[in-house]
Amino acid sequence: VRDFEASYLFEMTPLELYALIGIGVEAALMKYPPGKREEYEFCRDMAGYPLMRTFQDFDWADEVLHVNIARRQLKEWHHGDQAELVALAQQGLDFRASVRNLHPQSPLPDLGDRVVKRTG
């Protein structure tokens, strides 16, 4: 449970937030390894479940789309260079991490009594 999210969202400008999400989060998922490509390759090569592979393929494509949209939009909004945007994204990640450290993660509820075990 992420109660800390609202604690920093309203303290950042829209440009800072978009850089954080588009470059700091979404683009970071493209790094290989690990990243979305490795998740896809695991599903394709190790898990062997075609539907799982298809879901990961769509998830990877979705992240690529998000990164491309963010890069295009950030170029329109920010008149500095890419290095400045990367630095802005890193500042956002650092700020998010510092806020997150102030809010310990809430434990997930115990759903053991609600889970029905299938037998046979």
Foldseek 3Di string as FASTA:
>chain_A
DQPLVVVCPVVDDPLLVLLQCQPVPLVVLCDPVPHLVVLLCCVVPPVPDVVSNVVSVVVRVVSVVSNVVSVVVSVVVDVDDPVVSNVSNVVSVVVSVVSCVVPDDDDDDDCPVVDDDDDD
